[in-house]
Amino acid sequence: FPEALRDHLREDDDFEMFPELEQIDPPPRHIPAYIADLIYRRVIGWKRSGLIDGDELRIIDTEVRELMEICGGCERIRRTRLSPSYRLFVRHCITLYLCTLPWGLVEEFNFWTVPMTVIMAYFMIGIEVIAHSVEEPFGLDEDDLDLDGLCITIRSTVNEILDRFGKQTDNPT
């Protein structure tokens, strides 16, 4: 699921990691939701075969729902952009500020007005560039979230839990 969500958020749903999904006709458009559905089906099968009871079913159901809530939250972050009018307004404010800044500094700084204005312009424009970069946190840029690292951590944690669960069912003490 974590890898499917990562690829979905990066709009990289090319079935590279899940080749068996390509065989489905039509292939799922939302792979994380499809995987959550597969988890639900497997859990229901476990319930029907008596591997888990009703309480365990409710616990697992809560966890699978949480997966989809996380997916929905990430999609909202990805799809909610700053409005173009807001971005344009901020750019106009920065431009106006930087154009009027030298007039406010000239009496105090004299010939240092130009270097001070350049320094202020660097920081103000930098803030705008950073805001644009932060708007898409799920990409592959250096400033983006380390989704690959998160997937590795989640996979190792889940494998550790499953290994421990397997040992408990093999040797109940």
Protein backbone atom coordinates (compact mmCIF):
# COMPACT_ATOMS: atom_id res chain seq x y z
CA PHE A 1 0.00 0.00 0.00
CA PRO A 2 2.68 2.60 0.83
CA GLU A 3 4.41 2.13 -2.52
CA ALA A 4 1.09 2.30 -4.37
CA LEU A 5 0.19 5.52 -2.55
CA ARG A 6 3.64 7.00 -3.27
CA ASP A 7 3.32 6.24 -6.98
CA HIS A 8 -0.28 7.49 -7.04
CA LEU A 9 0.71 10.80 -5.44
CA ARG A 10 3.49 11.18 -7.99
CA GLU A 11 1.03 10.31 -10.80
CA ASP A 12 3.24 7.36 -11.69
CA ASP A 13 0.54 4.68 -11.93
CA ASP A 14 2.35 2.63 -14.57
CA PHE A 15 1.88 -0.76 -12.84
CA GLU A 16 5.66 -1.24 -12.74
CA MET A 17 5.54 -2.35 -9.12
CA PHE A 18 2.27 -4.25 -9.50
CA PRO A 19 2.40 -6.06 -12.87
CA GLU A 20 -0.48 -8.36 -11.86
CA LEU A 21 -2.81 -5.33 -11.88
CA GLU A 22 -2.19 -4.87 -15.61
CA GLN A 23 -3.96 -8.17 -16.25
CA ILE A 24 -7.21 -6.80 -14.79
CA ASP A 25 -9.63 -5.49 -17.41
CA PRO A 26 -10.10 -2.59 -17.05
CA PRO A 27 -7.01 -1.87 -14.92
CA PRO A 28 -7.75 0.05 -11.70
CA ARG A 29 -7.38 3.81 -12.00
CA HIS A 30 -6.87 4.29 -8.25
CA ILE A 31 -4.42 1.60 -7.19
CA PRO A 32 -4.38 2.45 -3.43
CA ALA A 33 -8.18 2.10 -3.28
CA TYR A 34 -7.96 -1.17 -5.22
CA ILE A 35 -5.37 -2.52 -2.76
CA ALA A 36 -7.53 -1.44 0.21
CA ASP A 37 -10.42 -3.32 -1.40
CA LEU A 38 -8.21 -6.42 -1.75
CA ILE A 39 -7.27 -6.12 1.93
CA TYR A 40 -10.97 -5.89 2.87
CA ARG A 41 -11.77 -8.96 0.76
CA ARG A 42 -8.95 -10.95 2.35
CA VAL A 43 -10.00 -9.93 5.87
CA ILE A 44 -13.62 -10.89 5.15
CA GLY A 45 -12.33 -14.25 3.91
CA TRP A 46 -10.39 -14.69 7.14
CA LYS A 47 -13.55 -13.93 9.10
CA ARG A 48 -15.62 -16.42 7.10
CA SER A 49 -13.00 -19.15 7.54
CA GLY A 50 -12.75 -18.47 11.28
CA LEU A 51 -9.15 -17.21 11.30
CA ILE A 52 -10.27 -14.00 13.01
CA ASP A 53 -13.25 -13.14 15.18
CA GLY A 54 -15.56 -10.12 15.12
CA ASP A 55 -13.39 -8.02 17.43
CA GLU A 56 -10.31 -8.60 15.30
CA LEU A 57 -12.35 -7.77 12.20
CA ARG A 58 -13.36 -4.42 13.72
CA ILE A 59 -9.75 -3.62 14.61
CA ILE A 60 -8.49 -4.46 11.12
CA ASP A 61 -11.40 -2.57 9.56
CA THR A 62 -10.41 0.54 11.52
CA GLU A 63 -6.83 0.24 10.31
CA VAL A 64 -7.80 -0.22 6.65
CA ARG A 65 -10.14 2.77 6.88
CA GLU A 66 -7.22 4.76 8.28
CA LEU A 67 -5.16 3.83 5.22
CA MET A 68 -7.81 5.34 2.96
CA GLU A 69 -8.14 8.43 5.18
CA ILE A 70 -4.38 8.94 4.89
CA CYS A 71 -4.67 8.50 1.13
CA GLY A 72 -7.48 11.06 0.99
CA GLY A 73 -5.52 13.55 3.11
CA CYS A 74 -2.46 13.21 0.89
CA GLU A 75 -4.59 13.68 -2.22
CA ARG A 76 -6.12 16.84 -0.76
CA ILE A 77 -2.63 18.21 -0.10
CA ARG A 78 -1.56 17.33 -3.63
CA ARG A 79 -4.62 18.77 -5.35
CA THR A 80 -5.08 21.92 -3.25
CA ARG A 81 -3.02 24.59 -4.90
CA LEU A 82 -2.73 28.22 -4.05
CA SER A 83 -5.11 30.12 -6.25
CA PRO A 84 -3.47 31.89 -9.20
CA SER A 85 -4.98 35.19 -8.05
CA TYR A 86 -3.29 34.81 -4.64
CA ARG A 87 0.06 34.03 -6.26
CA LEU A 88 -0.29 36.99 -8.60
CA PHE A 89 -1.23 39.27 -5.70
CA VAL A 90 1.83 38.17 -3.68
CA ARG A 91 4.10 38.75 -6.69
CA HIS A 92 2.65 42.23 -7.19
CA CYS A 93 3.14 43.03 -3.50
CA ILE A 94 6.76 41.87 -3.62
CA THR A 95 7.39 43.88 -6.79
CA LEU A 96 5.81 47.02 -5.33
CA TYR A 97 7.75 46.59 -2.08
CA LEU A 98 11.06 46.13 -3.87
CA CYS A 99 10.41 49.09 -6.20
CA THR A 100 9.65 51.43 -3.30
CA LEU A 101 12.28 50.05 -0.91
CA PRO A 102 15.20 52.14 -2.25
CA TRP A 103 13.29 55.38 -1.61
CA GLY A 104 12.81 54.37 2.01
CA LEU A 105 16.45 53.37 2.50
CA VAL A 106 18.30 56.12 0.62
CA GLU A 107 18.39 58.67 3.47
CA GLU A 108 19.61 56.13 6.01
CA PHE A 109 22.03 54.08 3.90
CA ASN A 110 23.12 56.49 1.12
CA PHE A 111 25.32 54.52 -1.32
CA TRP A 112 24.55 51.26 0.55
CA THR A 113 20.94 51.51 -0.67
CA VAL A 114 21.60 49.47 -3.81
CA PRO A 115 23.32 46.52 -2.04
CA MET A 116 20.64 46.54 0.70
CA THR A 117 17.88 46.50 -1.92
CA VAL A 118 19.56 43.62 -3.76
CA ILE A 119 19.85 41.64 -0.50
CA MET A 120 16.19 42.27 0.34
CA ALA A 121 15.17 41.32 -3.21
CA TYR A 122 17.10 38.06 -2.88
CA PHE A 123 15.24 37.11 0.30
CA MET A 124 11.80 38.23 -0.87
CA ILE A 125 12.07 36.42 -4.21
CA GLY A 126 13.52 33.40 -2.38
CA ILE A 127 10.42 33.21 -0.20
CA GLU A 128 8.24 33.18 -3.32
CA VAL A 129 10.34 30.42 -4.93
CA ILE A 130 10.23 28.33 -1.74
CA ALA A 131 6.45 28.75 -1.52
CA HIS A 132 6.13 27.44 -5.07
CA SER A 133 8.42 24.49 -4.28
CA VAL A 134 6.57 23.54 -1.07
CA GLU A 135 3.28 23.48 -2.95
CA GLU A 136 4.14 20.02 -4.44
CA PRO A 137 5.65 17.95 -1.59
CA PHE A 138 5.30 14.48 -3.16
CA GLY A 139 7.67 14.80 -6.12
CA LEU A 140 11.25 13.66 -6.57
CA ASP A 141 13.03 16.95 -5.89
CA GLU A 142 15.52 17.25 -3.05
CA ASP A 143 13.13 19.48 -1.08
CA ASP A 144 10.22 17.04 -1.38
CA LEU A 145 9.19 14.49 1.23
CA ASP A 146 11.30 11.34 1.30
CA LEU A 147 8.47 9.02 0.30
CA ASP A 148 10.89 6.28 -0.75
CA GLY A 149 12.46 6.29 2.72
CA LEU A 150 9.03 6.26 4.34
CA CYS A 151 7.99 3.27 2.21
CA ILE A 152 11.13 1.37 3.21
CA THR A 153 10.51 2.12 6.90
CA ILE A 154 6.84 1.11 6.71
CA ARG A 155 7.68 -2.09 4.82
CA SER A 156 10.35 -3.12 7.36
CA THR A 157 8.05 -2.32 10.30
CA VAL A 158 5.16 -4.29 8.81
CA ASN A 159 7.48 -7.22 8.02
CA GLU A 160 8.78 -7.15 11.61
CA ILE A 161 5.23 -7.20 12.97
CA LEU A 162 4.23 -10.03 10.63
CA ASP A 163 7.33 -12.03 11.59
CA ARG A 164 6.50 -11.57 15.26
CA PHE A 165 2.86 -12.51 14.62
CA GLY A 166 3.96 -15.65 12.75
CA LYS A 167 6.20 -16.70 15.64
CA GLN A 168 3.37 -16.16 18.12
CA THR A 169 0.98 -18.37 16.16
CA ASP A 170 3.65 -21.07 15.68
CA ASN A 171 4.64 -21.19 19.35
CA PRO A 172 1.91 -19.82 21.64
CA THR A 173 3.27 -19.12 25.13
